[in-house]
């Protein structure tokens, strides 16, 4: 969360379904600093914590396990 915001301050309980927009820029080779998140009726900005190019590759491949499997097959 951005500084000063918490799940509690936003009224999040963990029961929500989240929709994240703005993360697809990773596919273009850039890492966004924030993304828009909609959790049921609550909308907020979230800080992206993909800190290294390796982490971005894991995300692009659907996680570390699919990344490792694809690497082994190449």
PDB file of N, CA and C in Angstrom:
ATOM      1  N   UNK A   1       0.835  -1.187   0.000  1.00  0.00           N
ATOM      2  CA  UNK A   1       0.000   0.000   0.000  1.00  0.00           C
ATOM      3  C   UNK A   1       0.877   1.246   0.000  1.00  0.00           C
ATOM      4  N   UNK A   2       0.372   2.323  -0.581  1.00  0.00           N
ATOM      5  CA  UNK A   2       1.111   3.586  -0.465  1.00  0.00           C
ATOM      6  C   UNK A   2       1.221   4.004   0.999  1.00  0.00           C
ATOM      7  N   UNK A   3       2.202   4.837   1.275  1.00  0.00           N
ATOM      8  CA  UNK A   3       2.421   5.291   2.645  1.00  0.00           C
ATOM      9  C   UNK A   3       1.137   5.885   3.215  1.00  0.00           C
ATOM     10  N   UNK A   4       0.814   5.480   4.433  1.00  0.00           N
ATOM     11  CA  UNK A   4      -0.365   5.990   5.120  1.00  0.00           C
ATOM     12  C   UNK A   4      -1.620   5.174   4.900  1.00  0.00           C
ATOM     13  N   UNK A   5      -1.585   4.210   3.992  1.00  0.00           N
ATOM     14  CA  UNK A   5      -2.745   3.356   3.762  1.00  0.00           C
ATOM     15  C   UNK A   5      -2.444   1.944   4.237  1.00  0.00           C
ATOM     16  N   UNK A   6      -3.470   1.301   4.737  1.00  0.00           N
ATOM     17  CA  UNK A   6      -3.372  -0.093   5.156  1.00  0.00           C
ATOM     18  C   UNK A   6      -4.639  -0.804   4.709  1.00  0.00           C
ATOM     19  N   UNK A   7      -4.626  -2.111   4.791  1.00  0.00           N
ATOM     20  CA  UNK A   7      -5.842  -2.863   4.485  1.00  0.00           C
ATOM     21  C   UNK A   7      -6.969  -2.407   5.401  1.00  0.00           C
ATOM     22  N   UNK A   8      -6.635  -2.190   6.653  1.00  0.00           N
ATOM     23  CA  UNK A   8      -7.649  -1.761   7.619  1.00  0.00           C
ATOM     24  C   UNK A   8      -8.201  -0.380   7.276  1.00  0.00           C
ATOM     25  N   UNK A   9      -7.319   0.563   6.937  1.00  0.00           N
ATOM     26  CA  UNK A   9      -7.797   1.918   6.638  1.00  0.00           C
ATOM     27  C   UNK A   9      -8.660   1.949   5.376  1.00  0.00           C
ATOM     28  N   UNK A  10      -8.449   0.998   4.477  1.00  0.00           N
ATOM     29  CA  UNK A  10      -9.261   0.914   3.262  1.00  0.00           C
ATOM     30  C   UNK A  10     -10.526   0.089   3.459  1.00  0.00           C
ATOM     31  N   UNK A  11     -10.637  -0.561   4.604  1.00  0.00           N
ATOM     32  CA  UNK A  11     -11.810  -1.381   4.875  1.00  0.00           C
ATOM     33  C   UNK A  11     -11.766  -2.749   4.222  1.00  0.00           C
ATOM     34  N   UNK A  12     -10.563  -3.230   3.918  1.00  0.00           N
ATOM     35  CA  UNK A  12     -10.421  -4.546   3.300  1.00  0.00           C
ATOM     36  C   UNK A  12     -10.448  -5.633   4.367  1.00  0.00           C
ATOM     37  N   UNK A  13     -11.121  -6.732   4.056  1.00  0.00           N
ATOM     38  CA  UNK A  13     -11.250  -7.821   5.023  1.00  0.00           C
ATOM     39  C   UNK A  13     -10.523  -9.091   4.596  1.00  0.00           C
ATOM     40  N   UNK A  14     -10.153  -9.184   3.312  1.00  0.00           N
ATOM     41  CA  UNK A  14      -9.569 -10.410   2.790  1.00  0.00           C
ATOM     42  C   UNK A  14     -10.592 -11.283   2.087  1.00  0.00           C
ATOM     43  N   UNK A  15     -11.847 -10.895   2.144  1.00  0.00           N
ATOM     44  CA  UNK A  15     -12.921 -11.632   1.486  1.00  0.00           C
ATOM     45  C   UNK A  15     -13.185 -11.117   0.072  1.00  0.00           C
ATOM     46  N   UNK A  16     -12.507 -10.038  -0.324  1.00  0.00           N
ATOM     47  CA  UNK A  16     -12.768  -9.383  -1.597  1.00  0.00           C
ATOM     48  C   UNK A  16     -12.190 -10.166  -2.772  1.00  0.00           C
ATOM     49  N   UNK A  17     -12.731  -9.889  -3.946  1.00  0.00           N
ATOM     50  CA  UNK A  17     -12.151 -10.333  -5.208  1.00  0.00           C
ATOM     51  C   UNK A  17     -11.461  -9.121  -5.805  1.00  0.00           C
ATOM     52  N   UNK A  18     -10.178  -9.259  -6.142  1.00  0.00           N
ATOM     53  CA  UNK A  18      -9.375  -8.128  -6.600  1.00  0.00           C
ATOM     54  C   UNK A  18      -9.209  -8.146  -8.116  1.00  0.00           C
ATOM     55  N   UNK A  19      -9.281  -6.964  -8.707  1.00  0.00           N
ATOM     56  CA  UNK A  19      -8.963  -6.747 -10.112  1.00  0.00           C
ATOM     57  C   UNK A  19      -7.838  -5.731 -10.158  1.00  0.00           C
ATOM     58  N   UNK A  20      -6.728  -6.094 -10.795  1.00  0.00           N
ATOM     59  CA  UNK A  20      -5.558  -5.215 -10.866  1.00  0.00           C
ATOM     60  C   UNK A  20      -5.392  -4.752 -12.307  1.00  0.00           C
ATOM     61  N   UNK A  21      -5.279  -3.438 -12.508  1.00  0.00           N
ATOM     62  CA  UNK A  21      -5.034  -2.902 -13.843  1.00  0.00           C
ATOM     63  C   UNK A  21      -3.738  -2.104 -13.833  1.00  0.00           C
ATOM     64  N   UNK A  22      -3.049  -2.129 -14.944  1.00  0.00           N
ATOM     65  CA  UNK A  22      -1.807  -1.382 -15.074  1.00  0.00           C
ATOM     66  C   UNK A  22      -0.561  -2.224 -14.933  1.00  0.00           C
ATOM     67  N   UNK A  23      -0.710  -3.509 -14.677  1.00  0.00           N
ATOM     68  CA  UNK A  23       0.455  -4.371 -14.487  1.00  0.00           C
ATOM     69  C   UNK A  23       0.968  -4.929 -15.819  1.00  0.00           C
ATOM     70  N   UNK A  24       0.167  -4.848 -16.869  1.00  0.00           N
ATOM     71  CA  UNK A  24       0.582  -5.422 -18.152  1.00  0.00           C
ATOM     72  C   UNK A  24       1.760  -4.691 -18.778  1.00  0.00           C
ATOM     73  N   UNK A  25       2.101  -3.506 -18.259  1.00  0.00           N
ATOM     74  CA  UNK A  25       3.289  -2.806 -18.747  1.00  0.00           C
ATOM     75  C   UNK A  25       4.543  -3.653 -18.576  1.00  0.00           C
ATOM     76  N   UNK A  26       4.505  -4.602 -17.641  1.00  0.00           N
ATOM     77  CA  UNK A  26       5.638  -5.519 -17.471  1.00  0.00           C
ATOM     78  C   UNK A  26       5.921  -6.270 -18.765  1.00  0.00           C
ATOM     79  N   UNK A  27       4.886  -6.554 -19.527  1.00  0.00           N
ATOM     80  CA  UNK A  27       5.075  -7.272 -20.788  1.00  0.00           C
ATOM     81  C   UNK A  27       5.791  -6.419 -21.822  1.00  0.00           C
ATOM     82  N   UNK A  28       5.771  -5.096 -21.633  1.00  0.00           N
ATOM     83  CA  UNK A  28       6.472  -4.178 -22.533  1.00  0.00           C
ATOM     84  C   UNK A  28       7.891  -3.893 -22.056  1.00  0.00           C
ATOM     85  N   UNK A  29       8.282  -4.503 -20.933  1.00  0.00           N
ATOM     86  CA  UNK A  29       9.633  -4.320 -20.422  1.00  0.00           C
ATOM     87  C   UNK A  29       9.786  -3.210 -19.399  1.00  0.00           C
ATOM     88  N   UNK A  30       8.690  -2.585 -18.991  1.00  0.00           N
ATOM     89  CA  UNK A  30       8.765  -1.560 -17.953  1.00  0.00           C
ATOM     90  C   UNK A  30       8.027  -2.045 -16.718  1.00  0.00           C
ATOM     91  N   UNK A  31       8.460  -1.584 -15.565  1.00  0.00           N
ATOM     92  CA  UNK A  31       7.802  -1.939 -14.313  1.00  0.00           C
ATOM     93  C   UNK A  31       7.072  -0.716 -13.788  1.00  0.00           C
ATOM     94  N   UNK A  32       5.744  -0.779 -13.734  1.00  0.00           N
ATOM     95  CA  UNK A  32       5.005   0.365 -13.203  1.00  0.00           C
ATOM     96  C   UNK A  32       5.278   0.539 -11.715  1.00  0.00           C
ATOM     97  N   UNK A  33       5.220   1.779 -11.229  1.00  0.00           N
ATOM     98  CA  UNK A  33       5.434   2.031  -9.801  1.00  0.00           C
ATOM     99  C   UNK A  33       4.174   1.729  -9.001  1.00  0.00           C
ATOM    100  N   UNK A  34       3.014   2.032  -9.594  1.00  0.00           N
ATOM    101  CA  UNK A  34       1.743   1.751  -8.932  1.00  0.00           C
ATOM    102  C   UNK A  34       0.780   1.137  -9.940  1.00  0.00           C
ATOM    103  N   UNK A  35      -0.227   0.488  -9.420  1.00  0.00           N
ATOM    104  CA  UNK A  35      -1.305  -0.070 -10.227  1.00  0.00           C
ATOM    105  C   UNK A  35      -2.625   0.321  -9.584  1.00  0.00           C
ATOM    106  N   UNK A  36      -3.685   0.265 -10.350  1.00  0.00           N
ATOM    107  CA  UNK A  36      -5.030   0.503  -9.835  1.00  0.00           C
ATOM    108  C   UNK A  36      -5.604  -0.837  -9.403  1.00  0.00           C
ATOM    109  N   UNK A  37      -6.227  -0.844  -8.237  1.00  0.00           N
ATOM    110  CA  UNK A  37      -6.822  -2.072  -7.720  1.00  0.00           C
ATOM    111  C   UNK A  37      -8.277  -1.800  -7.386  1.00  0.00           C
ATOM    112  N   UNK A  38      -9.129  -2.732  -7.775  1.00  0.00           N
ATOM    113  CA  UNK A  38     -10.537  -2.668  -7.393  1.00  0.00           C
ATOM    114  C   UNK A  38     -10.833  -3.928  -6.612  1.00  0.00           C
ATOM    115  N   UNK A  39     -11.320  -3.744  -5.404  1.00  0.00           N
ATOM    116  CA  UNK A  39     -11.673  -4.857  -4.534  1.00  0.00           C
ATOM    117  C   UNK A  39     -13.149  -4.702  -4.196  1.00  0.00           C
ATOM    118  N   UNK A  40     -13.987  -5.417  -4.915  1.00  0.00           N
ATOM    119  CA  UNK A  40     -15.429  -5.236  -4.823  1.00  0.00           C
ATOM    120  C   UNK A  40     -15.758  -3.766  -5.075  1.00  0.00           C
ATOM    121  N   UNK A  41     -16.251  -3.021  -4.086  1.00  0.00           N
ATOM    122  CA  UNK A  41     -16.625  -1.612  -4.288  1.00  0.00           C
ATOM    123  C   UNK A  41     -15.528  -0.639  -3.871  1.00  0.00           C
ATOM    124  N   UNK A  42     -14.373  -1.129  -3.477  1.00  0.00           N
ATOM    125  CA  UNK A  42     -13.282  -0.275  -2.996  1.00  0.00           C
ATOM    126  C   UNK A  42     -12.224  -0.174  -4.090  1.00  0.00           C
ATOM    127  N   UNK A  43     -11.823   1.052  -4.427  1.00  0.00           N
ATOM    128  CA  UNK A  43     -10.762   1.258  -5.414  1.00  0.00           C
ATOM    129  C   UNK A  43      -9.612   2.002  -4.764  1.00  0.00           C
ATOM    130  N   UNK A  44      -8.376   1.581  -5.080  1.00  0.00           N
ATOM    131  CA  UNK A  44      -7.204   2.233  -4.504  1.00  0.00           C
ATOM    132  C   UNK A  44      -5.989   1.967  -5.378  1.00  0.00           C
ATOM    133  N   UNK A  45      -4.934   2.740  -5.151  1.00  0.00           N
ATOM    134  CA  UNK A  45      -3.650   2.508  -5.809  1.00  0.00           C
ATOM    135  C   UNK A  45      -2.833   1.567  -4.938  1.00  0.00           C
ATOM    136  N   UNK A  46      -2.054   0.715  -5.575  1.00  0.00           N
ATOM    137  CA  UNK A  46      -1.158  -0.181  -4.845  1.00  0.00           C
ATOM    138  C   UNK A  46       0.253  -0.021  -5.401  1.00  0.00           C
ATOM    139  N   UNK A  47       1.223  -0.171  -4.536  1.00  0.00           N
ATOM    140  CA  UNK A  47       2.628  -0.075  -4.915  1.00  0.00           C
ATOM    141  C   UNK A  47       3.071  -1.414  -5.496  1.00  0.00           C
ATOM    142  N   UNK A  48       3.730  -1.376  -6.643  1.00  0.00           N
ATOM    143  CA  UNK A  48       4.242  -2.596  -7.270  1.00  0.00           C
ATOM    144  C   UNK A  48       5.583  -2.939  -6.638  1.00  0.00           C
ATOM    145  N   UNK A  49       5.741  -4.176  -6.168  1.00  0.00           N
ATOM    146  CA  UNK A  49       7.002  -4.618  -5.573  1.00  0.00           C
ATOM    147  C   UNK A  49       7.613  -5.711  -6.422  1.00  0.00           C
ATOM    148  N   UNK A  50       7.950  -5.358  -7.631  1.00  0.00           N
ATOM    149  CA  UNK A  50       8.752  -6.210  -8.499  1.00  0.00           C
ATOM    150  C   UNK A  50      10.056  -5.456  -8.646  1.00  0.00           C
ATOM    151  N   UNK A  51      11.061  -5.888  -7.902  1.00  0.00           N
ATOM    152  CA  UNK A  51      12.271  -5.091  -7.711  1.00  0.00           C
ATOM    153  C   UNK A  51      13.426  -5.431  -8.640  1.00  0.00           C
ATOM    154  N   UNK A  52      13.387  -6.583  -9.283  1.00  0.00           N
ATOM    155  CA  UNK A  52      14.511  -6.982 -10.132  1.00  0.00           C
ATOM    156  C   UNK A  52      13.988  -7.469 -11.483  1.00  0.00           C
ATOM    157  N   UNK A  53      14.832  -7.458 -12.497  1.00  0.00           N
ATOM    158  CA  UNK A  53      14.413  -8.023 -13.785  1.00  0.00           C
ATOM    159  C   UNK A  53      14.016  -9.497 -13.669  1.00  0.00           C
ATOM    160  N   UNK A  54      14.677 -10.235 -12.790  1.00  0.00           N
ATOM    161  CA  UNK A  54      14.327 -11.643 -12.583  1.00  0.00           C
ATOM    162  C   UNK A  54      12.918 -11.809 -12.058  1.00  0.00           C
ATOM    163  N   UNK A  55      12.531 -10.973 -11.105  1.00  0.00           N
ATOM    164  CA  UNK A  55      11.167 -11.032 -10.580  1.00  0.00           C
ATOM    165  C   UNK A  55      10.156 -10.709 -11.675  1.00  0.00           C
ATOM    166  N   UNK A  56      10.485  -9.756 -12.540  1.00  0.00           N
ATOM    167  CA  UNK A  56       9.595  -9.423 -13.654  1.00  0.00           C
ATOM    168  C   UNK A  56       9.444 -10.626 -14.585  1.00  0.00           C
ATOM    169  N   UNK A  57      10.533 -11.349 -14.833  1.00  0.00           N
ATOM    170  CA  UNK A  57      10.454 -12.554 -15.667  1.00  0.00           C
ATOM    171  C   UNK A  57       9.577 -13.612 -15.026  1.00  0.00           C
ATOM    172  N   UNK A  58       9.688 -13.795 -13.721  1.00  0.00           N
ATOM    173  CA  UNK A  58       8.826 -14.756 -13.025  1.00  0.00           C
ATOM    174  C   UNK A  58       7.370 -14.375 -13.232  1.00  0.00           C
ATOM    175  N   UNK A  59       7.052 -13.087 -13.053  1.00  0.00           N
ATOM    176  CA  UNK A  59       5.673 -12.628 -13.209  1.00  0.00           C
ATOM    177  C   UNK A  59       5.185 -12.886 -14.635  1.00  0.00           C
ATOM    178  N   UNK A  60       5.991 -12.508 -15.627  1.00  0.00           N
ATOM    179  CA  UNK A  60       5.600 -12.683 -17.034  1.00  0.00           C
ATOM    180  C   UNK A  60       5.327 -14.143 -17.377  1.00  0.00           C
ATOM    181  N   UNK A  61       5.993 -15.056 -16.685  1.00  0.00           N
ATOM    182  CA  UNK A  61       5.835 -16.485 -16.953  1.00  0.00           C
ATOM    183  C   UNK A  61       4.803 -17.154 -16.066  1.00  0.00           C
ATOM    184  N   UNK A  62       4.108 -16.390 -15.244  1.00  0.00           N
ATOM    185  CA  UNK A  62       3.065 -16.963 -14.402  1.00  0.00           C
ATOM    186  C   UNK A  62       3.560 -17.487 -13.070  1.00  0.00           C
ATOM    187  N   UNK A  63       4.766 -17.122 -12.663  1.00  0.00           N
ATOM    188  CA  UNK A  63       5.317 -17.557 -11.385  1.00  0.00           C
ATOM    189  C   UNK A  63       6.666 -18.225 -11.575  1.00  0.00           C
ATOM    190  N   UNK A  64       7.318 -18.521 -10.454  1.00  0.00           N
ATOM    191  CA  UNK A  64       8.670 -19.068 -10.534  1.00  0.00           C
ATOM    192  C   UNK A  64       8.685 -20.492 -11.093  1.00  0.00           C
ATOM    193  N   UNK A  65       7.695 -21.312 -10.737  1.00  0.00           N
ATOM    194  CA  UNK A  65       7.697 -22.693 -11.241  1.00  0.00           C
ATOM    195  C   UNK A  65       7.512 -22.752 -12.754  1.00  0.00           C
ATOM    196  N   UNK A  66       6.515 -22.060 -13.329  1.00  0.00           N
ATOM    197  CA  UNK A  66       6.426 -22.072 -14.792  1.00  0.00           C
ATOM    198  C   UNK A  66       7.685 -21.506 -15.453  1.00  0.00           C
ATOM    199  N   UNK A  67       8.306 -20.501 -14.833  1.00  0.00           N
ATOM    200  CA  UNK A  67       9.544 -19.926 -15.374  1.00  0.00           C
ATOM    201  C   UNK A  67      10.650 -20.985 -15.416  1.00  0.00           C
ATOM    202  N   UNK A  68      10.821 -21.717 -14.318  1.00  0.00           N
ATOM    203  CA  UNK A  68      11.862 -22.750 -14.254  1.00  0.00           C
ATOM    204  C   UNK A  68      11.583 -23.849 -15.275  1.00  0.00           C
ATOM    205  N   UNK A  69      10.328 -24.282 -15.364  1.00  0.00           N
ATOM    206  CA  UNK A  69       9.988 -25.339 -16.321  1.00  0.00           C
ATOM    207  C   UNK A  69      10.239 -24.887 -17.757  1.00  0.00           C
ATOM    208  N   UNK A  70       9.861 -23.656 -18.084  1.00  0.00           N
ATOM    209  CA  UNK A  70      10.124 -23.148 -19.438  1.00  0.00           C
ATOM    210  C   UNK A  70      11.627 -23.064 -19.704  1.00  0.00           C
ATOM    211  N   UNK A  71      12.379 -22.660 -18.695  1.00  0.00           N
ATOM    212  CA  UNK A  71      13.835 -22.564 -18.852  1.00  0.00           C
ATOM    213  C   UNK A  71      14.453 -23.934 -19.107  1.00  0.00           C
ATOM    214  N   UNK A  72      13.934 -24.958 -18.436  1.00  0.00           N
ATOM    215  CA  UNK A  72      14.454 -26.310 -18.622  1.00  0.00           C
ATOM    216  C   UNK A  72      14.124 -26.856 -20.007  1.00  0.00           C
ATOM    217  N   UNK A  73      12.985 -26.444 -20.547  1.00  0.00           N
ATOM    218  CA  UNK A  73      12.560 -26.940 -21.855  1.00  0.00           C
ATOM    219  C   UNK A  73      13.242 -26.221 -23.010  1.00  0.00           C
ATOM    220  N   UNK A  74      13.780 -25.045 -22.759  1.00  0.00           N
ATOM    221  CA  UNK A  74      14.446 -24.282 -23.827  1.00  0.00           C
ATOM    222  C   UNK A  74      15.841 -24.773 -24.099  1.00  0.00           C
TER     223      UNK A  74
END
